[in-house]
Protein backbone atom coordinates (compact mmCIF):
# COMPACT_ATOMS: atom_id res chain seq x y z
CA MET A 1 36.03 -33.82 60.01
CA VAL A 2 33.60 -36.75 59.66
CA THR A 3 32.66 -35.60 56.18
CA ARG A 4 36.33 -35.19 55.18
CA LEU A 5 37.23 -38.68 56.46
CA ARG A 6 34.35 -40.23 54.48
CA GLU A 7 35.44 -38.39 51.34
CA MET A 8 39.00 -39.63 51.81
CA ALA A 9 37.74 -43.20 52.32
CA THR A 10 35.56 -43.19 49.23
CA GLY A 11 37.89 -41.17 47.08
CA GLU A 12 34.96 -38.93 46.21
CA GLN A 13 35.04 -35.16 46.58
CA ALA A 14 31.50 -33.83 46.92
CA PRO A 15 30.69 -30.70 44.93
CA PRO A 16 30.36 -27.54 47.00
CA GLY A 17 27.04 -26.52 48.46
CA PRO A 18 24.19 -28.84 49.50
CA PHE A 19 26.02 -31.99 48.32
CA ARG A 20 28.40 -31.64 51.27
CA ARG A 21 26.96 -32.83 54.54
CA GLY A 22 28.45 -29.89 56.41
CA PHE A 23 26.13 -27.63 54.44
CA TRP A 24 23.17 -28.87 56.49
CA ARG A 25 23.78 -27.59 60.02
CA SER A 26 20.42 -27.70 61.78
CA PRO A 27 20.88 -29.42 65.18
CA LEU A 28 17.25 -30.57 65.07
CA ARG A 29 17.47 -33.02 62.19
CA GLY A 30 17.77 -36.62 63.22
CA PRO A 31 16.00 -39.99 63.26
CA TRP A 32 13.71 -39.10 66.19
CA LEU A 33 12.18 -35.93 64.71
CA THR A 34 11.87 -37.52 61.28
CA SER A 35 10.15 -40.53 62.83
CA VAL A 36 7.63 -38.37 64.70
CA PHE A 37 6.56 -36.78 61.42
CA GLY A 38 6.69 -40.19 59.76
CA LEU A 39 4.35 -41.70 62.35
CA LEU A 40 1.83 -38.89 61.85
CA LEU A 41 1.95 -39.45 58.10
CA LEU A 42 1.67 -43.22 58.51
CA VAL A 43 -1.64 -42.83 60.35
CA GLY A 44 -2.90 -39.94 58.24
CA VAL A 45 -2.03 -41.36 54.82
CA THR A 46 -3.64 -44.69 55.73
CA ILE A 47 -6.90 -42.88 56.52
CA LEU A 48 -6.58 -40.80 53.35
CA PHE A 49 -6.15 -43.90 51.22
CA ALA A 50 -9.08 -45.69 52.85
CA THR A 51 -11.44 -42.74 52.43
CA GLY A 52 -10.19 -42.29 48.86
CA LEU A 53 -11.13 -45.89 48.07
CA LEU A 54 -14.57 -45.29 49.55
CA SER A 55 -14.99 -42.20 47.41
CA TYR A 56 -14.10 -44.20 44.31
CA ALA A 57 -16.63 -46.87 45.24
CA ALA A 58 -19.30 -44.21 45.80
CA TYR A 59 -19.01 -43.21 42.14
CA ASN A 60 -20.17 -46.68 41.04
CA PRO A 61 -17.42 -46.84 38.40
CA GLU A 62 -18.64 -50.18 37.08
CA LEU A 63 -21.79 -48.57 35.68
CA ALA A 64 -22.13 -46.94 32.27
CA GLY A 65 -20.92 -43.37 32.07
CA ASN A 66 -19.44 -43.27 35.56
CA ASP A 67 -15.88 -44.54 35.19
CA LEU A 68 -13.31 -41.87 34.38
CA THR A 69 -10.57 -44.48 34.96
CA PRO A 70 -11.48 -47.19 32.43
CA GLY A 71 -8.19 -48.97 32.90
CA HIS A 72 -8.59 -49.50 36.65
CA GLY A 73 -8.34 -53.30 36.30
CA LEU A 74 -7.33 -54.88 39.60
CA PHE A 75 -7.41 -51.47 41.26
CA GLY A 76 -11.18 -51.79 41.24
CA SER A 77 -11.34 -55.40 42.39
CA TYR A 78 -12.57 -54.39 45.86
CA LEU A 79 -15.61 -52.48 44.58
CA PHE A 80 -18.97 -53.09 46.21
CA ASP A 81 -22.50 -51.77 45.86
CA TRP A 82 -22.40 -48.33 47.42
CA PRO A 83 -25.11 -48.13 50.13
CA THR A 84 -27.74 -45.45 50.53
CA ARG A 85 -27.64 -45.59 54.32
CA PRO A 86 -26.71 -43.79 56.42
CA SER A 87 -27.58 -40.82 54.21
CA TRP A 88 -24.72 -38.74 55.67
CA LEU A 89 -21.94 -41.32 55.20
CA TYR A 90 -20.36 -39.76 52.08
CA ARG A 91 -20.53 -36.36 53.75
CA VAL A 92 -18.37 -37.74 56.57
CA THR A 93 -15.92 -39.87 54.56
CA GLN A 94 -15.22 -37.31 51.84
CA GLY A 95 -15.16 -34.42 54.30
CA THR A 96 -12.58 -36.36 56.31
CA HIS A 97 -10.55 -37.12 53.18
CA VAL A 98 -10.30 -33.49 52.09
CA LEU A 99 -9.87 -32.00 55.56
CA LEU A 100 -7.21 -34.49 56.59
CA GLY A 101 -5.36 -33.94 53.32
CA LEU A 102 -5.15 -30.22 54.10
CA VAL A 103 -4.20 -30.74 57.74
CA LEU A 104 -1.33 -33.05 56.75
CA ILE A 105 0.31 -30.51 54.41
CA PRO A 106 2.44 -28.91 57.17
CA VAL A 107 3.40 -32.39 58.41
CA LEU A 108 4.45 -33.46 54.91
CA LEU A 109 6.52 -30.31 54.42
CA ALA A 110 8.18 -30.81 57.80
CA LYS A 111 8.97 -34.43 56.99
CA LEU A 112 10.53 -33.41 53.67
CA TRP A 113 12.55 -30.71 55.45
CA SER A 114 13.83 -33.25 57.96
CA VAL A 115 15.23 -35.56 55.28
CA ILE A 116 16.25 -33.08 52.58
CA PRO A 117 20.00 -33.76 53.03
CA LYS A 118 19.34 -37.27 51.68
CA LEU A 119 18.25 -35.73 48.39
CA PHE A 120 21.81 -34.47 47.92
CA ASP A 121 23.66 -37.67 48.86
CA TRP A 122 27.08 -37.89 47.19
CA PRO A 123 27.91 -39.86 45.21
CA PRO A 124 24.29 -40.15 43.96
CA VAL A 125 24.62 -43.90 43.40
CA ARG A 126 27.02 -46.12 45.31
CA THR A 127 25.50 -49.57 44.88
CA PRO A 128 22.66 -51.15 42.89
CA ALA A 129 20.67 -51.52 46.12
CA GLN A 130 21.07 -47.84 46.88
CA ALA A 131 20.03 -46.96 43.33
CA ILE A 132 16.80 -48.95 43.77
CA GLU A 133 16.14 -47.27 47.12
CA ARG A 134 16.62 -43.80 45.63
CA ALA A 135 14.31 -44.63 42.74
CA SER A 136 11.65 -45.78 45.19
CA LEU A 137 12.05 -42.53 47.12
CA LEU A 138 11.51 -40.62 43.91
CA LEU A 139 8.16 -42.38 43.51
CA LEU A 140 7.37 -41.82 47.20
CA VAL A 141 8.20 -38.12 47.37
CA GLY A 142 7.01 -37.37 43.84
CA GLY A 143 3.79 -39.29 44.43
CA ALA A 144 3.12 -37.52 47.73
CA VAL A 145 3.69 -34.07 46.26
CA PHE A 146 1.59 -34.93 43.19
CA GLU A 147 -1.35 -36.22 45.23
CA PHE A 148 -1.39 -33.35 47.70
CA VAL A 149 -0.97 -30.67 45.02
CA THR A 150 -3.62 -32.07 42.67
CA GLY A 151 -6.01 -32.55 45.59
CA LEU A 152 -5.44 -28.97 46.73
CA LEU A 153 -5.98 -27.59 43.23
CA ASN A 154 -9.16 -29.60 42.82
CA ILE A 155 -10.82 -28.36 46.00
CA GLN A 156 -10.00 -24.81 44.91
CA TYR A 157 -11.51 -25.48 41.45
CA TRP A 158 -8.24 -24.56 39.71
CA TYR A 159 -8.29 -27.05 36.85
CA VAL A 160 -4.82 -26.72 35.33
CA PHE A 161 -4.31 -30.46 34.95
CA PRO A 162 -3.15 -32.00 31.65
CA GLY A 163 -6.20 -34.26 31.78
CA SER A 164 -8.99 -35.27 34.13
CA PHE A 165 -8.29 -34.70 37.82
CA TYR A 166 -10.09 -37.93 38.71
CA THR A 167 -7.93 -40.04 36.39
CA LEU A 168 -4.66 -38.41 37.42
CA HIS A 169 -5.44 -38.49 41.13
CA PHE A 170 -6.63 -42.10 40.97
CA TYR A 171 -3.57 -43.55 39.24
CA GLY A 172 -1.22 -41.22 41.11
CA GLY A 173 -2.71 -42.47 44.36
CA TRP A 174 -1.90 -46.07 43.54
CA VAL A 175 1.68 -45.19 42.55
CA PHE A 176 2.12 -43.24 45.77
CA ILE A 177 0.57 -45.85 48.07
CA GLY A 178 2.71 -48.61 46.53
CA ALA A 179 5.90 -46.64 47.19
CA PHE A 180 4.57 -45.64 50.62
CA ALA A 181 3.89 -49.26 51.62
CA ALA A 182 7.35 -50.34 50.48
CA HIS A 183 8.99 -47.47 52.36
CA VAL A 184 7.08 -48.23 55.56
CA THR A 185 8.01 -51.91 55.34
CA ILE A 186 11.69 -51.04 55.03
CA LYS A 187 11.82 -48.20 57.53
CA LEU A 188 9.39 -49.36 60.23
CA PRO A 189 12.07 -51.01 62.42
CA THR A 190 14.25 -47.88 62.14
CA MET A 191 11.32 -45.64 62.98
CA THR A 192 10.35 -47.76 65.97
CA ARG A 193 13.90 -47.66 67.38
CA ALA A 194 14.13 -43.91 66.80
CA LEU A 195 10.84 -43.18 68.55
CA ARG A 196 11.95 -45.25 71.54
CA SER A 197 15.31 -43.48 71.70
CA ARG A 198 13.88 -40.24 73.09
CA SER A 199 10.94 -39.30 75.28
CA LEU A 200 8.31 -37.09 73.70
CA ARG A 201 7.45 -35.72 77.13
CA VAL A 202 11.08 -34.73 77.74
CA GLU A 203 11.38 -33.11 74.30
CA LEU A 204 8.25 -31.07 74.92
CA ARG A 205 9.81 -29.76 78.13
CA THR A 206 13.19 -28.92 76.60
CA ASP A 207 13.71 -25.28 75.66
CA THR A 208 15.97 -23.91 72.94
CA ALA A 209 18.93 -23.31 75.23
CA HIS A 210 19.03 -26.98 76.24
CA THR A 211 18.32 -28.46 72.79
CA GLN A 212 21.17 -30.74 71.69
CA PRO A 213 21.74 -32.68 68.44
CA GLU A 214 20.87 -36.36 68.31
CA PRO A 215 23.73 -38.87 68.25
CA PRO A 216 25.19 -39.68 64.79
CA ASP A 217 23.00 -42.09 62.85
CA PRO A 218 23.63 -44.59 60.02
CA ASP A 219 21.38 -42.62 57.64
CA ASP A 220 23.42 -39.43 58.09
CA LEU A 221 20.42 -37.30 59.02
CA VAL A 222 22.32 -35.75 61.94
CA SER A 223 24.61 -32.91 60.88
CA PRO A 224 28.34 -33.59 61.36
CA ASP A 225 28.82 -29.89 62.20
CA PRO A 226 25.61 -28.69 63.89
CA ALA A 227 25.00 -25.02 64.54
CA GLN A 228 23.66 -23.61 67.77
CA ALA A 229 19.94 -24.27 68.13
CA THR A 230 17.72 -21.27 67.43
CA VAL A 231 14.51 -23.18 68.06
CA SER A 232 13.73 -26.26 70.11
CA ARG A 233 12.19 -29.48 68.86
CA ARG A 234 9.05 -28.62 70.78
CA GLY A 235 9.07 -25.33 68.87
CA VAL A 236 9.18 -27.14 65.53
CA LEU A 237 6.42 -29.53 66.59
CA GLY A 238 4.38 -26.58 67.83
CA LEU A 239 4.87 -24.67 64.58
CA VAL A 240 3.78 -27.65 62.48
CA GLY A 241 0.86 -28.31 64.82
CA ALA A 242 -0.23 -24.67 64.65
CA GLY A 243 -0.12 -24.76 60.85
CA SER A 244 -2.27 -27.88 60.76
CA LEU A 245 -4.67 -26.45 63.33
CA ALA A 246 -5.03 -23.23 61.32
CA LEU A 247 -5.86 -25.16 58.14
CA PHE A 248 -8.37 -27.22 60.10
CA ALA A 249 -10.05 -24.16 61.60
CA LEU A 250 -10.26 -22.33 58.27
CA THR A 251 -11.72 -25.30 56.38
CA VAL A 252 -13.79 -27.56 58.64
CA GLY A 253 -16.80 -25.24 58.54
CA GLN A 254 -17.55 -26.23 54.94
CA SER A 255 -18.42 -29.72 56.18
CA LEU A 256 -19.96 -28.83 59.55
CA GLY A 257 -22.28 -26.15 58.18
CA GLY A 258 -24.43 -23.87 60.30
CA PHE A 259 -22.55 -21.17 62.21
CA TRP A 260 -19.21 -22.75 61.38
CA ARG A 261 -19.63 -22.30 57.62
CA GLY A 262 -18.65 -18.66 57.92
CA THR A 263 -15.27 -19.66 59.43
CA ALA A 264 -14.24 -21.74 56.40
CA LEU A 265 -12.31 -18.92 54.75
CA LEU A 266 -10.17 -21.28 52.65
CA ALA A 267 -13.13 -23.19 51.22
CA PRO A 268 -14.50 -21.92 47.88
CA ARG A 269 -18.04 -23.08 48.67
CA ALA A 270 -17.97 -22.06 52.32
CA GLN A 271 -19.82 -18.78 52.33
CA ASP A 272 -23.59 -18.32 52.57
CA PRO A 273 -24.94 -18.14 48.99
CA GLY A 274 -28.13 -16.34 49.98
CA THR A 275 -31.43 -16.76 51.75
CA GLY A 276 -34.73 -18.38 50.94
CA PRO A 277 -35.65 -21.98 50.06
CA ASN A 278 -32.91 -22.20 47.40
CA GLY A 279 -30.30 -20.45 49.54
CA PHE A 280 -27.68 -23.18 49.80
CA GLN A 281 -24.43 -24.04 48.04
CA ILE A 282 -24.26 -24.41 44.25
CA ASN A 283 -21.35 -26.15 42.56
CA LYS A 284 -22.25 -25.48 38.92
CA THR A 285 -24.65 -22.78 37.82
CA ALA A 286 -27.09 -23.10 34.93
CA LEU A 287 -25.20 -20.34 33.12
CA SER A 288 -21.88 -22.19 33.35
CA ALA A 289 -23.60 -25.38 32.14
CA GLY A 290 -25.24 -23.54 29.25
CA VAL A 291 -28.76 -24.73 30.10
CA THR A 292 -30.46 -21.52 31.21
CA ASP A 293 -32.91 -21.29 28.29
CA SER A 294 -33.50 -25.00 27.69
CA ALA A 295 -34.12 -25.69 31.39
CA GLN A 296 -36.88 -23.08 31.51
CA ASP A 297 -38.45 -24.02 28.20
CA ASP A 298 -42.18 -24.73 28.72
CA ARG A 299 -41.87 -27.57 26.22
CA TRP A 300 -39.56 -29.56 28.52
CA ARG A 301 -40.63 -33.16 29.11
CA LEU A 302 -39.05 -36.03 31.01
CA GLU A 303 -38.49 -39.14 28.91
CA LEU A 304 -38.89 -42.50 30.65
CA LEU A 305 -37.34 -45.51 28.94
CA GLY A 306 -36.86 -49.12 29.91
CA GLY A 307 -40.14 -50.91 29.37
CA ASP A 308 -41.69 -52.18 26.19
CA SER A 309 -42.30 -48.61 25.06
CA GLY A 310 -41.09 -45.21 26.07
CA MET A 311 -43.14 -42.36 27.42
CA SER A 312 -42.69 -38.75 28.43
CA LEU A 313 -44.14 -36.56 31.16
CA SER A 314 -44.43 -32.81 31.52
CA ARG A 315 -43.52 -31.11 34.78
CA ASP A 316 -47.19 -30.62 35.60
CA GLU A 317 -47.79 -34.32 35.04
CA LEU A 318 -44.90 -35.16 37.37
CA LEU A 319 -46.33 -32.83 40.01
CA ALA A 320 -49.66 -34.65 39.69
CA LEU A 321 -48.03 -37.97 40.66
CA PRO A 322 -47.77 -39.00 44.35
CA GLN A 323 -45.03 -36.89 45.93
CA HIS A 324 -42.54 -37.88 48.61
CA THR A 325 -40.43 -35.65 50.88
CA ALA A 326 -36.96 -36.43 52.26
CA ASP A 327 -34.39 -34.46 54.23
CA LEU A 328 -31.02 -35.03 52.54
CA PRO A 329 -27.67 -33.20 52.35
CA ILE A 330 -25.53 -32.70 49.26
CA ALA A 331 -21.86 -33.69 49.69
CA CYS A 332 -19.27 -33.09 46.99
CA VAL A 333 -15.90 -34.62 46.21
CA GLU A 334 -14.23 -31.28 46.95
CA GLY A 335 -15.14 -31.78 50.63
CA TRP A 336 -17.94 -29.27 51.07
CA SER A 337 -21.48 -30.22 51.94
CA THR A 338 -24.82 -28.63 52.69
CA GLU A 339 -27.02 -29.10 55.70
CA PRO A 340 -29.94 -31.46 54.97
CA GLN A 341 -32.50 -29.77 52.73
CA THR A 342 -36.13 -30.82 52.44
CA TRP A 343 -36.64 -32.24 48.95
CA THR A 344 -40.01 -33.08 47.39
CA GLY A 345 -40.57 -35.07 44.23
CA VAL A 346 -41.44 -38.39 42.66
CA PRO A 347 -39.58 -41.48 44.00
CA LEU A 348 -37.32 -43.01 41.37
CA ARG A 349 -38.77 -46.44 42.08
CA ASP A 350 -42.24 -45.11 41.18
CA LEU A 351 -40.90 -43.74 37.90
CA ALA A 352 -39.25 -47.11 37.23
CA ALA A 353 -42.59 -48.84 37.76
CA THR A 354 -44.26 -46.30 35.50
CA ALA A 355 -41.68 -47.16 32.83
CA GLY A 356 -42.52 -50.84 33.26
CA VAL A 357 -39.42 -51.88 35.23
CA SER A 358 -40.36 -52.99 38.73
CA SER A 359 -36.88 -54.19 39.78
CA PRO A 360 -34.29 -52.10 37.90
CA GLN A 361 -30.63 -53.07 38.04
CA SER A 362 -29.64 -49.48 37.33
CA VAL A 363 -30.84 -46.24 35.78
CA PHE A 364 -28.98 -44.06 33.30
CA VAL A 365 -29.70 -40.40 34.06
CA GLU A 366 -29.24 -37.82 31.30
CA SER A 367 -29.17 -34.07 31.68
CA LEU A 368 -29.63 -31.01 29.52
CA ASP A 369 -26.02 -30.32 30.48
CA ASP A 370 -23.84 -32.17 27.98
CA GLY A 371 -20.62 -31.63 29.94
CA THR A 372 -18.38 -34.26 31.52
CA PHE A 373 -20.89 -35.01 34.28
CA GLY A 374 -24.04 -34.39 32.29
CA SER A 375 -25.07 -38.01 32.71
CA THR A 376 -24.64 -40.67 35.36
CA SER A 377 -25.74 -44.16 36.32
CA LEU A 378 -27.24 -45.22 39.65
CA ARG A 379 -27.41 -48.75 41.03
CA GLY A 380 -30.63 -50.62 41.61
CA ASN A 381 -30.38 -50.24 45.39
CA GLN A 382 -30.21 -46.48 44.91
CA VAL A 383 -33.24 -46.44 42.62
CA LEU A 384 -35.29 -48.54 45.02
CA ASP A 385 -34.53 -46.50 48.13
CA GLY A 386 -37.74 -44.70 49.13
CA ASP A 387 -35.91 -41.38 49.59
CA SER A 388 -34.31 -41.41 46.12
CA LEU A 389 -36.23 -38.76 44.24
CA LEU A 390 -36.63 -36.95 41.00
CA ALA A 391 -36.91 -33.72 42.96
CA LEU A 392 -39.17 -30.92 41.74
CA GLN A 393 -39.12 -28.72 44.82
CA VAL A 394 -36.82 -27.95 47.72
CA ASN A 395 -37.75 -26.49 51.10
CA GLY A 396 -41.33 -25.97 49.93
CA ALA A 397 -40.51 -24.01 46.77
CA ASP A 398 -39.80 -24.87 43.16
CA LEU A 399 -36.17 -25.62 42.39
CA SER A 400 -34.23 -22.61 41.15
CA VAL A 401 -32.66 -23.08 37.74
CA ASP A 402 -29.22 -23.20 39.40
CA HIS A 403 -30.41 -26.05 41.64
CA GLY A 404 -31.68 -28.09 38.71
CA PHE A 405 -35.09 -26.78 37.60
CA PRO A 406 -37.20 -28.31 36.13
CA ALA A 407 -36.12 -31.57 37.84
CA ARG A 408 -33.05 -33.10 39.44
CA VAL A 409 -32.03 -36.34 41.06
CA ILE A 410 -31.37 -36.48 44.79
CA VAL A 411 -30.24 -39.79 46.33
CA PRO A 412 -29.19 -40.55 49.93
CA ASN A 413 -25.43 -40.93 50.48
CA ASN A 414 -24.66 -40.08 46.86
CA PRO A 415 -21.72 -37.91 45.67
CA GLY A 416 -23.10 -34.50 44.78
CA VAL A 417 -22.00 -34.70 41.16
CA HIS A 418 -24.22 -37.79 40.69
CA ASN A 419 -27.28 -35.95 41.99
CA THR A 420 -27.80 -34.86 38.40
CA LYS A 421 -29.46 -31.52 37.68
CA TRP A 422 -31.65 -30.53 34.71
CA VAL A 423 -32.70 -34.15 34.11
CA THR A 424 -34.23 -34.84 30.72
CA ARG A 425 -34.21 -38.66 30.38
CA LEU A 426 -34.23 -41.71 32.68
CA THR A 427 -33.40 -45.10 31.16
CA PHE A 428 -34.06 -47.99 33.56
CA GLU A 429 -32.04 -51.16 32.96
CA VAL A 430 -33.52 -54.56 33.78
């Protein structure tokens, strides 16, 4: 009846199906349930955005060869020198970013379910203001789906993107967070009123038989012709919570390591890769990088550039230099990390001094791998940290070729992809 009266008032006859409000009959939809999911997303997305910004800063995008988003402009105005301490910081921030993104997927789907009738509003545009609001929602919903889907595909190493994941995810994140901030600004008073309208404790005690629809609301989320409840609101919250908890339980082990690594069934780098000194996770093998033969060539030498003249050192000559040992983890953008491994090699600051640069501003690291991440730049503070090494051994044994033999970089609190393997040249910048 309510729907028919509105159609008579507007002179608009909605098409059959989902465009008619009576099509959506769930007695659970309403401002309160939508606001509960909205509050969870408000907290979660804020943390996701903050940890995403930290991840971007950790890549040192202002240095040569590092920035996959060259048009970042003002989006990079906050950047700062990424620290080397604590050595586990990136492991925590990026692990949180990936894990929270997975845990929020059921919440996002539930939130979209709760407001799906608004997608089929009829007529689609009533006023210019409503047209602007719907356009902003397109950016909000489209941006959310894009960010969560691309993030999920990336951590599963399914690279089906029409371009670089990093570029797409970076710019998509800014589009999404802009629409998200605008939406929160507009809807925060409504959400606050809705959350205060019902008691969470009461809803969690209400079974299906006593579940009633919410009162009619201005946003038309409440069905004008609700069906009998087949599940309670506490049931819906429990289902969403169970989905998030399952994703957490099946993924968190890739960051915790140890016994828990075997529980991370949804993580592609979760399982034990083997035993022995080199028995820890590998992101890119020597075979996939095409460096198997060149990495094991006895003629390999490390080039050092940056002083008045260049020089090169064989692996035996590097082993003859004073060695340093450091216990450091590897943490990758996909969210997985290793337990701290014991690395032994020549400190980068010693190699800088050998090259004639006592206070380098940065170092450009080149690899035998000529792929997208075959080279990287590190800041001066990273070079000068005593635990930043050109590693030659790990856990008391020579590096395996898959772990970077004959030499690799290992730096505290550095994204794994910037701990370059199969290093062939270091160019220190004054």
